[in-house]
Amino acid sequence: YLNILGGLLALMLEAGPLGKTRSGYDDQ
């Protein structure tokens, strides 16, 4: 469960092609 949570968090904060995060949230 912790690995799932950590992986989702990393994906949400990963930068997309335009420099923005994929989720739209700037940080944690």
mmCIF file of all heavy atoms, coordinates in Angstrom:
data_MODEL
# 
_entry.id   MODEL 
# 
loop_
_atom_site.group_PDB 
_atom_site.id 
_atom_site.type_symbol 
_atom_site.label_atom_id 
_atom_site.label_alt_id 
_atom_site.label_comp_id 
_atom_site.label_asym_id 
_atom_site.label_entity_id 
_atom_site.label_seq_id 
_atom_site.pdbx_PDB_ins_code 
_atom_site.Cartn_x 
_atom_site.Cartn_y 
_atom_site.Cartn_z 
_atom_site.occupancy 
_atom_site.B_iso_or_equiv 
_atom_site.pdbx_formal_charge 
_atom_site.auth_seq_id 
_atom_site.auth_comp_id 
_atom_site.auth_asym_id 
_atom_site.auth_atom_id 
_atom_site.pdbx_PDB_model_num 
ATOM 1   N N   . TYR A 1 1  ? 0.823  -1.212 0.000   1.00 0.00 ? 1  TYR A N   1 
ATOM 2   C CA  . TYR A 1 1  ? 0.000  0.000  0.000   1.00 0.00 ? 1  TYR A CA  1 
ATOM 3   C C   . TYR A 1 1  ? 0.858  1.264  0.000   1.00 0.00 ? 1  TYR A C   1 
ATOM 4   O O   . TYR A 1 1  ? 0.534  2.254  -0.669  1.00 0.00 ? 1  TYR A O   1 
ATOM 5   C CB  . TYR A 1 1  ? -0.939 -0.005 1.202   1.00 0.00 ? 1  TYR A CB  1 
ATOM 6   C CG  . TYR A 1 1  ? -2.120 -0.926 1.041   1.00 0.00 ? 1  TYR A CG  1 
ATOM 7   C CD1 . TYR A 1 1  ? -2.386 -1.928 1.957   1.00 0.00 ? 1  TYR A CD1 1 
ATOM 8   C CD2 . TYR A 1 1  ? -2.980 -0.797 -0.049  1.00 0.00 ? 1  TYR A CD2 1 
ATOM 9   C CE1 . TYR A 1 1  ? -3.464 -2.782 1.801   1.00 0.00 ? 1  TYR A CE1 1 
ATOM 10  C CE2 . TYR A 1 1  ? -4.069 -1.638 -0.212  1.00 0.00 ? 1  TYR A CE2 1 
ATOM 11  C CZ  . TYR A 1 1  ? -4.305 -2.637 0.708   1.00 0.00 ? 1  TYR A CZ  1 
ATOM 12  O OH  . TYR A 1 1  ? -5.383 -3.475 0.549   1.00 0.00 ? 1  TYR A OH  1 
ATOM 13  N N   . LEU A 1 2  ? 1.949  1.242  0.740   1.00 0.00 ? 2  LEU A N   1 
ATOM 14  C CA  . LEU A 1 2  ? 2.831  2.414  0.767   1.00 0.00 ? 2  LEU A CA  1 
ATOM 15  C C   . LEU A 1 2  ? 3.479  2.625  -0.605  1.00 0.00 ? 2  LEU A C   1 
ATOM 16  O O   . LEU A 1 2  ? 3.650  3.773  -1.045  1.00 0.00 ? 2  LEU A O   1 
ATOM 17  C CB  . LEU A 1 2  ? 3.894  2.243  1.850   1.00 0.00 ? 2  LEU A CB  1 
ATOM 18  C CG  . LEU A 1 2  ? 3.400  2.394  3.295   1.00 0.00 ? 2  LEU A CG  1 
ATOM 19  C CD1 . LEU A 1 2  ? 4.502  1.998  4.275   1.00 0.00 ? 2  LEU A CD1 1 
ATOM 20  C CD2 . LEU A 1 2  ? 2.932  3.824  3.576   1.00 0.00 ? 2  LEU A CD2 1 
ATOM 21  N N   . ASN A 1 3  ? 3.866  1.541  -1.271  1.00 0.00 ? 3  ASN A N   1 
ATOM 22  C CA  . ASN A 1 3  ? 4.442  1.671  -2.611  1.00 0.00 ? 3  ASN A CA  1 
ATOM 23  C C   . ASN A 1 3  ? 3.424  2.251  -3.596  1.00 0.00 ? 3  ASN A C   1 
ATOM 24  O O   . ASN A 1 3  ? 3.762  3.073  -4.454  1.00 0.00 ? 3  ASN A O   1 
ATOM 25  C CB  . ASN A 1 3  ? 4.928  0.318  -3.112  1.00 0.00 ? 3  ASN A CB  1 
ATOM 26  C CG  . ASN A 1 3  ? 6.249  -0.095 -2.487  1.00 0.00 ? 3  ASN A CG  1 
ATOM 27  O OD1 . ASN A 1 3  ? 6.992  0.742  -1.982  1.00 0.00 ? 3  ASN A OD1 1 
ATOM 28  N ND2 . ASN A 1 3  ? 6.538  -1.383 -2.497  1.00 0.00 ? 3  ASN A ND2 1 
ATOM 29  N N   . ILE A 1 4  ? 2.168  1.818  -3.484  1.00 0.00 ? 4  ILE A N   1 
ATOM 30  C CA  . ILE A 1 4  ? 1.116  2.364  -4.355  1.00 0.00 ? 4  ILE A CA  1 
ATOM 31  C C   . ILE A 1 4  ? 0.946  3.855  -4.095  1.00 0.00 ? 4  ILE A C   1 
ATOM 32  O O   . ILE A 1 4  ? 0.873  4.668  -5.034  1.00 0.00 ? 4  ILE A O   1 
ATOM 33  C CB  . ILE A 1 4  ? -0.208 1.619  -4.120  1.00 0.00 ? 4  ILE A CB  1 
ATOM 34  C CG1 . ILE A 1 4  ? -0.088 0.164  -4.612  1.00 0.00 ? 4  ILE A CG1 1 
ATOM 35  C CG2 . ILE A 1 4  ? -1.362 2.331  -4.830  1.00 0.00 ? 4  ILE A CG2 1 
ATOM 36  C CD1 . ILE A 1 4  ? -1.254 -0.710 -4.211  1.00 0.00 ? 4  ILE A CD1 1 
ATOM 37  N N   . LEU A 1 5  ? 0.901  4.220  -2.819  1.00 0.00 ? 5  LEU A N   1 
ATOM 38  C CA  . LEU A 1 5  ? 0.727  5.634  -2.465  1.00 0.00 ? 5  LEU A CA  1 
ATOM 39  C C   . LEU A 1 5  ? 1.909  6.469  -2.957  1.00 0.00 ? 5  LEU A C   1 
ATOM 40  O O   . LEU A 1 5  ? 1.738  7.544  -3.551  1.00 0.00 ? 5  LEU A O   1 
ATOM 41  C CB  . LEU A 1 5  ? 0.581  5.771  -0.946  1.00 0.00 ? 5  LEU A CB  1 
ATOM 42  C CG  . LEU A 1 5  ? 0.439  7.194  -0.399  1.00 0.00 ? 5  LEU A CG  1 
ATOM 43  C CD1 . LEU A 1 5  ? -0.784 7.882  -0.983  1.00 0.00 ? 5  LEU A CD1 1 
ATOM 44  C CD2 . LEU A 1 5  ? 0.356  7.166  1.125   1.00 0.00 ? 5  LEU A CD2 1 
ATOM 45  N N   . GLY A 1 6  ? 3.130  5.945  -2.736  1.00 0.00 ? 6  GLY A N   1 
ATOM 46  C CA  . GLY A 1 6  ? 4.319  6.680  -3.176  1.00 0.00 ? 6  GLY A CA  1 
ATOM 47  C C   . GLY A 1 6  ? 4.379  6.819  -4.683  1.00 0.00 ? 6  GLY A C   1 
ATOM 48  O O   . GLY A 1 6  ? 4.766  7.875  -5.212  1.00 0.00 ? 6  GLY A O   1 
ATOM 49  N N   . GLY A 1 7  ? 3.981  5.750  -5.415  1.00 0.00 ? 7  GLY A N   1 
ATOM 50  C CA  . GLY A 1 7  ? 3.985  5.810  -6.869  1.00 0.00 ? 7  GLY A CA  1 
ATOM 51  C C   . GLY A 1 7  ? 2.973  6.801  -7.412  1.00 0.00 ? 7  GLY A C   1 
ATOM 52  O O   . GLY A 1 7  ? 3.268  7.569  -8.348  1.00 0.00 ? 7  GLY A O   1 
ATOM 53  N N   . LEU A 1 8  ? 1.776  6.826  -6.847  1.00 0.00 ? 8  LEU A N   1 
ATOM 54  C CA  . LEU A 1 8  ? 0.752  7.778  -7.284  1.00 0.00 ? 8  LEU A CA  1 
ATOM 55  C C   . LEU A 1 8  ? 1.187  9.213  -7.006  1.00 0.00 ? 8  LEU A C   1 
ATOM 56  O O   . LEU A 1 8  ? 0.981  10.121 -7.837  1.00 0.00 ? 8  LEU A O   1 
ATOM 57  C CB  . LEU A 1 8  ? -0.577 7.482  -6.583  1.00 0.00 ? 8  LEU A CB  1 
ATOM 58  C CG  . LEU A 1 8  ? -1.301 6.203  -7.015  1.00 0.00 ? 8  LEU A CG  1 
ATOM 59  C CD1 . LEU A 1 8  ? -2.513 5.951  -6.124  1.00 0.00 ? 8  LEU A CD1 1 
ATOM 60  C CD2 . LEU A 1 8  ? -1.741 6.315  -8.474  1.00 0.00 ? 8  LEU A CD2 1 
ATOM 61  N N   . LEU A 1 9  ? 1.810  9.423  -5.856  1.00 0.00 ? 9  LEU A N   1 
ATOM 62  C CA  . LEU A 1 9  ? 2.277  10.768 -5.503  1.00 0.00 ? 9  LEU A CA  1 
ATOM 63  C C   . LEU A 1 9  ? 3.344  11.242 -6.494  1.00 0.00 ? 9  LEU A C   1 
ATOM 64  O O   . LEU A 1 9  ? 3.336  12.402 -6.947  1.00 0.00 ? 9  LEU A O   1 
ATOM 65  C CB  . LEU A 1 9  ? 2.829  10.759 -4.073  1.00 0.00 ? 9  LEU A CB  1 
ATOM 66  C CG  . LEU A 1 9  ? 3.293  12.101 -3.493  1.00 0.00 ? 9  LEU A CG  1 
ATOM 67  C CD1 . LEU A 1 9  ? 2.119  13.070 -3.405  1.00 0.00 ? 9  LEU A CD1 1 
ATOM 68  C CD2 . LEU A 1 9  ? 3.909  11.897 -2.115  1.00 0.00 ? 9  LEU A CD2 1 
ATOM 69  N N   . ALA A 1 10 ? 4.265  10.327 -6.832  1.00 0.00 ? 10 ALA A N   1 
ATOM 70  C CA  . ALA A 1 10 ? 5.325  10.695 -7.779  1.00 0.00 ? 10 ALA A CA  1 
ATOM 71  C C   . ALA A 1 10 ? 4.754  11.029 -9.151  1.00 0.00 ? 10 ALA A C   1 
ATOM 72  O O   . ALA A 1 10 ? 5.187  11.984 -9.812  1.00 0.00 ? 10 ALA A O   1 
ATOM 73  C CB  . ALA A 1 10 ? 6.336  9.550  -7.883  1.00 0.00 ? 10 ALA A CB  1 
ATOM 74  N N   . LEU A 1 11 ? 3.760  10.236 -9.602  1.00 0.00 ? 11 LEU A N   1 
ATOM 75  C CA  . LEU A 1 11 ? 3.140  10.507 -10.901 1.00 0.00 ? 11 LEU A CA  1 
ATOM 76  C C   . LEU A 1 11 ? 2.414  11.852 -10.914 1.00 0.00 ? 11 LEU A C   1 
ATOM 77  O O   . LEU A 1 11 ? 2.468  12.597 -11.903 1.00 0.00 ? 11 LEU A O   1 
ATOM 78  C CB  . LEU A 1 11 ? 2.148  9.394  -11.254 1.00 0.00 ? 11 LEU A CB  1 
ATOM 79  C CG  . LEU A 1 11 ? 2.758  8.075  -11.759 1.00 0.00 ? 11 LEU A CG  1 
ATOM 80  C CD1 . LEU A 1 11 ? 1.665  7.028  -11.937 1.00 0.00 ? 11 LEU A CD1 1 
ATOM 81  C CD2 . LEU A 1 11 ? 3.504  8.296  -13.072 1.00 0.00 ? 11 LEU A CD2 1 
ATOM 82  N N   . MET A 1 12 ? 1.744  12.177 -9.821  1.00 0.00 ? 12 MET A N   1 
ATOM 83  C CA  . MET A 1 12 ? 1.003  13.426 -9.750  1.00 0.00 ? 12 MET A CA  1 
ATOM 84  C C   . MET A 1 12 ? 1.918  14.648 -9.818  1.00 0.00 ? 12 MET A C   1 
ATOM 85  O O   . MET A 1 12 ? 1.545  15.700 -10.348 1.00 0.00 ? 12 MET A O   1 
ATOM 86  C CB  . MET A 1 12 ? 0.173  13.480 -8.461  1.00 0.00 ? 12 MET A CB  1 
ATOM 87  C CG  . MET A 1 12 ? -0.990 12.496 -8.430  1.00 0.00 ? 12 MET A CG  1 
ATOM 88  S SD  . MET A 1 12 ? -1.937 12.610 -6.902  1.00 0.00 ? 12 MET A SD  1 
ATOM 89  C CE  . MET A 1 12 ? -2.756 14.208 -7.148  1.00 0.00 ? 12 MET A CE  1 
ATOM 90  N N   . LEU A 1 13 ? 3.147  14.492 -9.318  1.00 0.00 ? 13 LEU A N   1 
ATOM 91  C CA  . LEU A 1 13 ? 4.068  15.626 -9.281  1.00 0.00 ? 13 LEU A CA  1 
ATOM 92  C C   . LEU A 1 13 ? 5.085  15.592 -10.421 1.00 0.00 ? 13 LEU A C   1 
ATOM 93  O O   . LEU A 1 13 ? 5.962  16.463 -10.504 1.00 0.00 ? 13 LEU A O   1 
ATOM 94  C CB  . LEU A 1 13 ? 4.799  15.659 -7.928  1.00 0.00 ? 13 LEU A CB  1 
ATOM 95  C CG  . LEU A 1 13 ? 3.898  15.881 -6.702  1.00 0.00 ? 13 LEU A CG  1 
ATOM 96  C CD1 . LEU A 1 13 ? 4.718  15.856 -5.421  1.00 0.00 ? 13 LEU A CD1 1 
ATOM 97  C CD2 . LEU A 1 13 ? 3.141  17.204 -6.827  1.00 0.00 ? 13 LEU A CD2 1 
ATOM 98  N N   . GLU A 1 14 ? 4.951  14.607 -11.301 1.00 0.00 ? 14 GLU A N   1 
ATOM 99  C CA  . GLU A 1 14 ? 5.879  14.517 -12.425 1.00 0.00 ? 14 GLU A CA  1 
ATOM 100 C C   . GLU A 1 14 ? 5.552  15.601 -13.458 1.00 0.00 ? 14 GLU A C   1 
ATOM 101 O O   . GLU A 1 14 ? 4.391  15.861 -13.771 1.00 0.00 ? 14 GLU A O   1 
ATOM 102 C CB  . GLU A 1 14 ? 5.759  13.134 -13.061 1.00 0.00 ? 14 GLU A CB  1 
ATOM 103 C CG  . GLU A 1 14 ? 6.783  12.871 -14.150 1.00 0.00 ? 14 GLU A CG  1 
ATOM 104 C CD  . GLU A 1 14 ? 6.656  11.460 -14.705 1.00 0.00 ? 14 GLU A CD  1 
ATOM 105 O OE1 . GLU A 1 14 ? 5.583  11.144 -15.264 1.00 0.00 ? 14 GLU A OE1 1 
ATOM 106 O OE2 . GLU A 1 14 ? 7.605  10.685 -14.558 1.00 0.00 ? 14 GLU A OE2 1 
ATOM 107 N N   . ALA A 1 15 ? 6.592  16.238 -13.983 1.00 0.00 ? 15 ALA A N   1 
ATOM 108 C CA  . ALA A 1 15 ? 6.402  17.329 -14.943 1.00 0.00 ? 15 ALA A CA  1 
ATOM 109 C C   . ALA A 1 15 ? 6.008  16.775 -16.309 1.00 0.00 ? 15 ALA A C   1 
ATOM 110 O O   . ALA A 1 15 ? 6.552  15.775 -16.776 1.00 0.00 ? 15 ALA A O   1 
ATOM 111 C CB  . ALA A 1 15 ? 7.673  18.154 -15.063 1.00 0.00 ? 15 ALA A CB  1 
ATOM 112 N N   . GLY A 1 16 ? 5.035  17.450 -16.951 1.00 0.00 ? 16 GLY A N   1 
ATOM 113 C CA  . GLY A 1 16 ? 4.598  17.074 -18.282 1.00 0.00 ? 16 GLY A CA  1 
ATOM 114 C C   . GLY A 1 16 ? 5.401  17.790 -19.351 1.00 0.00 ? 16 GLY A C   1 
ATOM 115 O O   . GLY A 1 16 ? 6.373  18.507 -19.059 1.00 0.00 ? 16 GLY A O   1 
ATOM 116 N N   . PRO A 1 17 ? 5.019  17.647 -20.628 1.00 0.00 ? 17 PRO A N   1 
ATOM 117 C CA  . PRO A 1 17 ? 5.753  18.256 -21.745 1.00 0.00 ? 17 PRO A CA  1 
ATOM 118 C C   . PRO A 1 17 ? 5.855  19.785 -21.660 1.00 0.00 ? 17 PRO A C   1 
ATOM 119 O O   . PRO A 1 17 ? 6.834  20.366 -22.117 1.00 0.00 ? 17 PRO A O   1 
ATOM 120 C CB  . PRO A 1 17 ? 4.944  17.826 -22.976 1.00 0.00 ? 17 PRO A CB  1 
ATOM 121 C CG  . PRO A 1 17 ? 4.197  16.616 -22.529 1.00 0.00 ? 17 PRO A CG  1 
ATOM 122 C CD  . PRO A 1 17 ? 3.901  16.827 -21.091 1.00 0.00 ? 17 PRO A CD  1 
ATOM 123 N N   . LEU A 1 18 ? 4.851  20.433 -21.069 1.00 0.00 ? 18 LEU A N   1 
ATOM 124 C CA  . LEU A 1 18 ? 4.843  21.892 -20.998 1.00 0.00 ? 18 LEU A CA  1 
ATOM 125 C C   . LEU A 1 18 ? 5.427  22.432 -19.698 1.00 0.00 ? 18 LEU A C   1 
ATOM 126 O O   . LEU A 1 18 ? 5.344  23.612 -19.416 1.00 0.00 ? 18 LEU A O   1 
ATOM 127 C CB  . LEU A 1 18 ? 3.407  22.415 -21.172 1.00 0.00 ? 18 LEU A CB  1 
ATOM 128 C CG  . LEU A 1 18 ? 2.716  22.018 -22.489 1.00 0.00 ? 18 LEU A CG  1 
ATOM 129 C CD1 . LEU A 1 18 ? 1.294  22.543 -22.510 1.00 0.00 ? 18 LEU A CD1 1 
ATOM 130 C CD2 . LEU A 1 18 ? 3.516  22.557 -23.675 1.00 0.00 ? 18 LEU A CD2 1 
ATOM 131 N N   . GLY A 1 19 ? 6.030  21.537 -18.924 1.00 0.00 ? 19 GLY A N   1 
ATOM 132 C CA  . GLY A 1 19 ? 6.654  21.968 -17.682 1.00 0.00 ? 19 GLY A CA  1 
ATOM 133 C C   . GLY A 1 19 ? 5.733  21.965 -16.488 1.00 0.00 ? 19 GLY A C   1 
ATOM 134 O O   . GLY A 1 19 ? 6.189  22.139 -15.358 1.00 0.00 ? 19 GLY A O   1 
ATOM 135 N N   . LYS A 1 20 ? 4.451  21.789 -16.710 1.00 0.00 ? 20 LYS A N   1 
ATOM 136 C CA  . LYS A 1 20 ? 3.490  21.713 -15.615 1.00 0.00 ? 20 LYS A CA  1 
ATOM 137 C C   . LYS A 1 20 ? 3.384  20.267 -15.126 1.00 0.00 ? 20 LYS A C   1 
ATOM 138 O O   . LYS A 1 20 ? 3.627  19.327 -15.888 1.00 0.00 ? 20 LYS A O   1 
ATOM 139 C CB  . LYS A 1 20 ? 2.113  22.182 -16.082 1.00 0.00 ? 20 LYS A CB  1 
ATOM 140 C CG  . LYS A 1 20 ? 2.047  23.656 -16.476 1.00 0.00 ? 20 LYS A CG  1 
ATOM 141 C CD  . LYS A 1 20 ? 2.049  24.529 -15.230 1.00 0.00 ? 20 LYS A CD  1 
ATOM 142 C CE  . LYS A 1 20 ? 1.806  25.999 -15.594 1.00 0.00 ? 20 LYS A CE  1 
ATOM 143 N NZ  . LYS A 1 20 ? 1.773  26.864 -14.389 1.00 0.00 ? 20 LYS A NZ  1 
ATOM 144 N N   . THR A 1 21 ? 2.994  20.090 -13.880 1.00 0.00 ? 21 THR A N   1 
ATOM 145 C CA  . THR A 1 21 ? 2.780  18.728 -13.381 1.00 0.00 ? 21 THR A CA  1 
ATOM 146 C C   . THR A 1 21 ? 1.561  18.113 -14.059 1.00 0.00 ? 21 THR A C   1 
ATOM 147 O O   . THR A 1 21 ? 0.633  18.824 -14.458 1.00 0.00 ? 21 THR A O   1 
ATOM 148 C CB  . THR A 1 21 ? 2.561  18.728 -11.850 1.00 0.00 ? 21 THR A CB  1 
ATOM 149 O OG1 . THR A 1 21 ? 1.401  19.498 -11.548 1.00 0.00 ? 21 THR A OG1 1 
ATOM 150 C CG2 . THR A 1 21 ? 3.763  19.309 -11.131 1.00 0.00 ? 21 THR A CG2 1 
ATOM 151 N N   . ARG A 1 22 ? 1.561  16.809 -14.196 1.00 0.00 ? 22 ARG A N   1 
ATOM 152 C CA  . ARG A 1 22 ? 0.477  16.114 -14.869 1.00 0.00 ? 22 ARG A CA  1 
ATOM 153 C C   . ARG A 1 22 ? -0.863 16.287 -14.136 1.00 0.00 ? 22 ARG A C   1 
ATOM 154 O O   . ARG A 1 22 ? -1.920 16.259 -14.735 1.00 0.00 ? 22 ARG A O   1 
ATOM 155 C CB  . ARG A 1 22 ? 0.804  14.624 -14.981 1.00 0.00 ? 22 ARG A CB  1 
ATOM 156 C CG  . ARG A 1 22 ? 2.040  14.342 -15.835 1.00 0.00 ? 22 ARG A CG  1 
ATOM 157 C CD  . ARG A 1 22 ? 2.293  12.849 -15.940 1.00 0.00 ? 22 ARG A CD  1 
ATOM 158 N NE  . ARG A 1 22 ? 3.517  12.566 -16.670 1.00 0.00 ? 22 ARG A NE  1 
ATOM 159 C CZ  . ARG A 1 22 ? 3.607  12.501 -17.996 1.00 0.00 ? 22 ARG A CZ  1 
ATOM 160 N NH1 . ARG A 1 22 ? 2.532  12.728 -18.729 1.00 0.00 ? 22 ARG A NH1 1 
ATOM 161 N NH2 . ARG A 1 22 ? 4.757  12.231 -18.581 1.00 0.00 ? 22 ARG A NH2 1 
ATOM 162 N N   . SER A 1 23 ? -0.790 16.433 -12.805 1.00 0.00 ? 23 SER A N   1 
ATOM 163 C CA  . SER A 1 23 ? -2.015 16.527 -12.020 1.00 0.00 ? 23 SER A CA  1 
ATOM 164 C C   . SER A 1 23 ? -2.546 17.952 -11.915 1.00 0.00 ? 23 SER A C   1 
ATOM 165 O O   . SER A 1 23 ? -3.701 18.157 -11.550 1.00 0.00 ? 23 SER A O   1 
ATOM 166 C CB  . SER A 1 23 ? -1.762 15.996 -10.607 1.00 0.00 ? 23 SER A CB  1 
ATOM 167 O OG  . SER A 1 23 ? -0.810 16.820 -9.934  1.00 0.00 ? 23 SER A OG  1 
ATOM 168 N N   . GLY A 1 24 ? -1.695 18.928 -12.188 1.00 0.00 ? 24 GLY A N   1 
ATOM 169 C CA  . GLY A 1 24 ? -2.101 20.314 -12.005 1.00 0.00 ? 24 GLY A CA  1 
ATOM 170 C C   . GLY A 1 24 ? -1.757 20.863 -10.635 1.00 0.00 ? 24 GLY A C   1 
ATOM 171 O O   . GLY A 1 24 ? -1.885 22.074 -10.385 1.00 0.00 ? 24 GLY A O   1 
ATOM 172 N N   . TYR A 1 25 ? -1.319 19.977 -9.723  1.00 0.00 ? 25 TYR A N   1 
ATOM 173 C CA  . TYR A 1 25 ? -0.879 20.428 -8.399  1.00 0.00 ? 25 TYR A CA  1 
ATOM 174 C C   . TYR A 1 25 ? 0.613  20.732 -8.454  1.00 0.00 ? 25 TYR A C   1 
ATOM 175 O O   . TYR A 1 25 ? 1.403  19.921 -8.950  1.00 0.00 ? 25 TYR A O   1 
ATOM 176 C CB  . TYR A 1 25 ? -1.153 19.352 -7.341  1.00 0.00 ? 25 TYR A CB  1 
ATOM 177 C CG  . TYR A 1 25 ? -2.625 19.136 -7.059  1.00 0.00 ? 25 TYR A CG  1 
ATOM 178 C CD1 . TYR A 1 25 ? -3.303 18.043 -7.621  1.00 0.00 ? 25 TYR A CD1 1 
ATOM 179 C CD2 . TYR A 1 25 ? -3.330 20.007 -6.243  1.00 0.00 ? 25 TYR A CD2 1 
ATOM 180 C CE1 . TYR A 1 25 ? -4.650 17.842 -7.370  1.00 0.00 ? 25 TYR A CE1 1 
ATOM 181 C CE2 . TYR A 1 25 ? -4.680 19.810 -5.987  1.00 0.00 ? 25 TYR A CE2 1 
ATOM 182 C CZ  . TYR A 1 25 ? -5.331 18.729 -6.555  1.00 0.00 ? 25 TYR A CZ  1 
ATOM 183 O OH  . TYR A 1 25 ? -6.666 18.541 -6.304  1.00 0.00 ? 25 TYR A OH  1 
ATOM 184 N N   . ASP A 1 26 ? 0.989  21.886 -7.927  1.00 0.00 ? 26 ASP A N   1 
ATOM 185 C CA  . ASP A 1 26 ? 2.391  22.315 -8.032  1.00 0.00 ? 26 ASP A CA  1 
ATOM 186 C C   . ASP A 1 26 ? 3.317  21.504 -7.143  1.00 0.00 ? 26 ASP A C   1 
ATOM 187 O O   . ASP A 1 26 ? 4.478  21.269 -7.501  1.00 0.00 ? 26 ASP A O   1 
ATOM 188 C CB  . ASP A 1 26 ? 2.506  23.797 -7.691  1.00 0.00 ? 26 ASP A CB  1 
ATOM 189 C CG  . ASP A 1 26 ? 1.800  24.676 -8.718  1.00 0.00 ? 26 ASP A CG  1 
ATOM 190 O OD1 . ASP A 1 26 ? 1.690  24.229 -9.886  1.00 0.00 ? 26 ASP A OD1 1 
ATOM 191 O OD2 . ASP A 1 26 ? 1.353  25.780 -8.360  1.00 0.00 ? 26 ASP A OD2 1 
ATOM 192 N N   . ASP A 1 27 ? 2.853  21.109 -5.964  1.00 0.00 ? 27 ASP A N   1 
ATOM 193 C CA  . ASP A 1 27 ? 3.716  20.377 -5.036  1.00 0.00 ? 27 ASP A CA  1 
ATOM 194 C C   . ASP A 1 27 ? 2.866  19.544 -4.079  1.00 0.00 ? 27 ASP A C   1 
ATOM 195 O O   . ASP A 1 27 ? 1.633  19.530 -4.159  1.00 0.00 ? 27 ASP A O   1 
ATOM 196 C CB  . ASP A 1 27 ? 4.615  21.344 -4.252  1.00 0.00 ? 27 ASP A CB  1 
ATOM 197 C CG  . ASP A 1 27 ? 3.835  22.488 -3.609  1.00 0.00 ? 27 ASP A CG  1 
ATOM 198 O OD1 . ASP A 1 27 ? 2.637  22.275 -3.284  1.00 0.00 ? 27 ASP A OD1 1 
ATOM 199 O OD2 . ASP A 1 27 ? 4.398  23.578 -3.435  1.00 0.00 ? 27 ASP A OD2 1 
ATOM 200 N N   . GLN A 1 28 ? 3.548  18.863 -3.151  1.00 0.00 ? 28 GLN A N   1 
ATOM 201 C CA  . GLN A 1 28 ? 2.859  17.993 -2.204  1.00 0.00 ? 28 GLN A CA  1 
ATOM 202 C C   . GLN A 1 28 ? 1.911  18.786 -1.310  1.00 0.00 ? 28 GLN A C   1 
ATOM 203 O O   . GLN A 1 28 ? 0.813  18.320 -0.993  1.00 0.00 ? 28 GLN A O   1 
ATOM 204 C CB  . GLN A 1 28 ? 3.893  17.239 -1.344  1.00 0.00 ? 28 GLN A CB  1 
ATOM 205 C CG  . GLN A 1 28 ? 3.275  16.332 -0.282  1.00 0.00 ? 28 GLN A CG  1 
ATOM 206 C CD  . GLN A 1 28 ? 4.312  15.561 0.493   1.00 0.00 ? 28 GLN A CD  1 
ATOM 207 O OE1 . GLN A 1 28 ? 5.058  14.754 -0.074  1.00 0.00 ? 28 GLN A OE1 1 
ATOM 208 N NE2 . GLN A 1 28 ? 4.392  15.810 1.787   1.00 0.00 ? 28 GLN A NE2 1 
# 
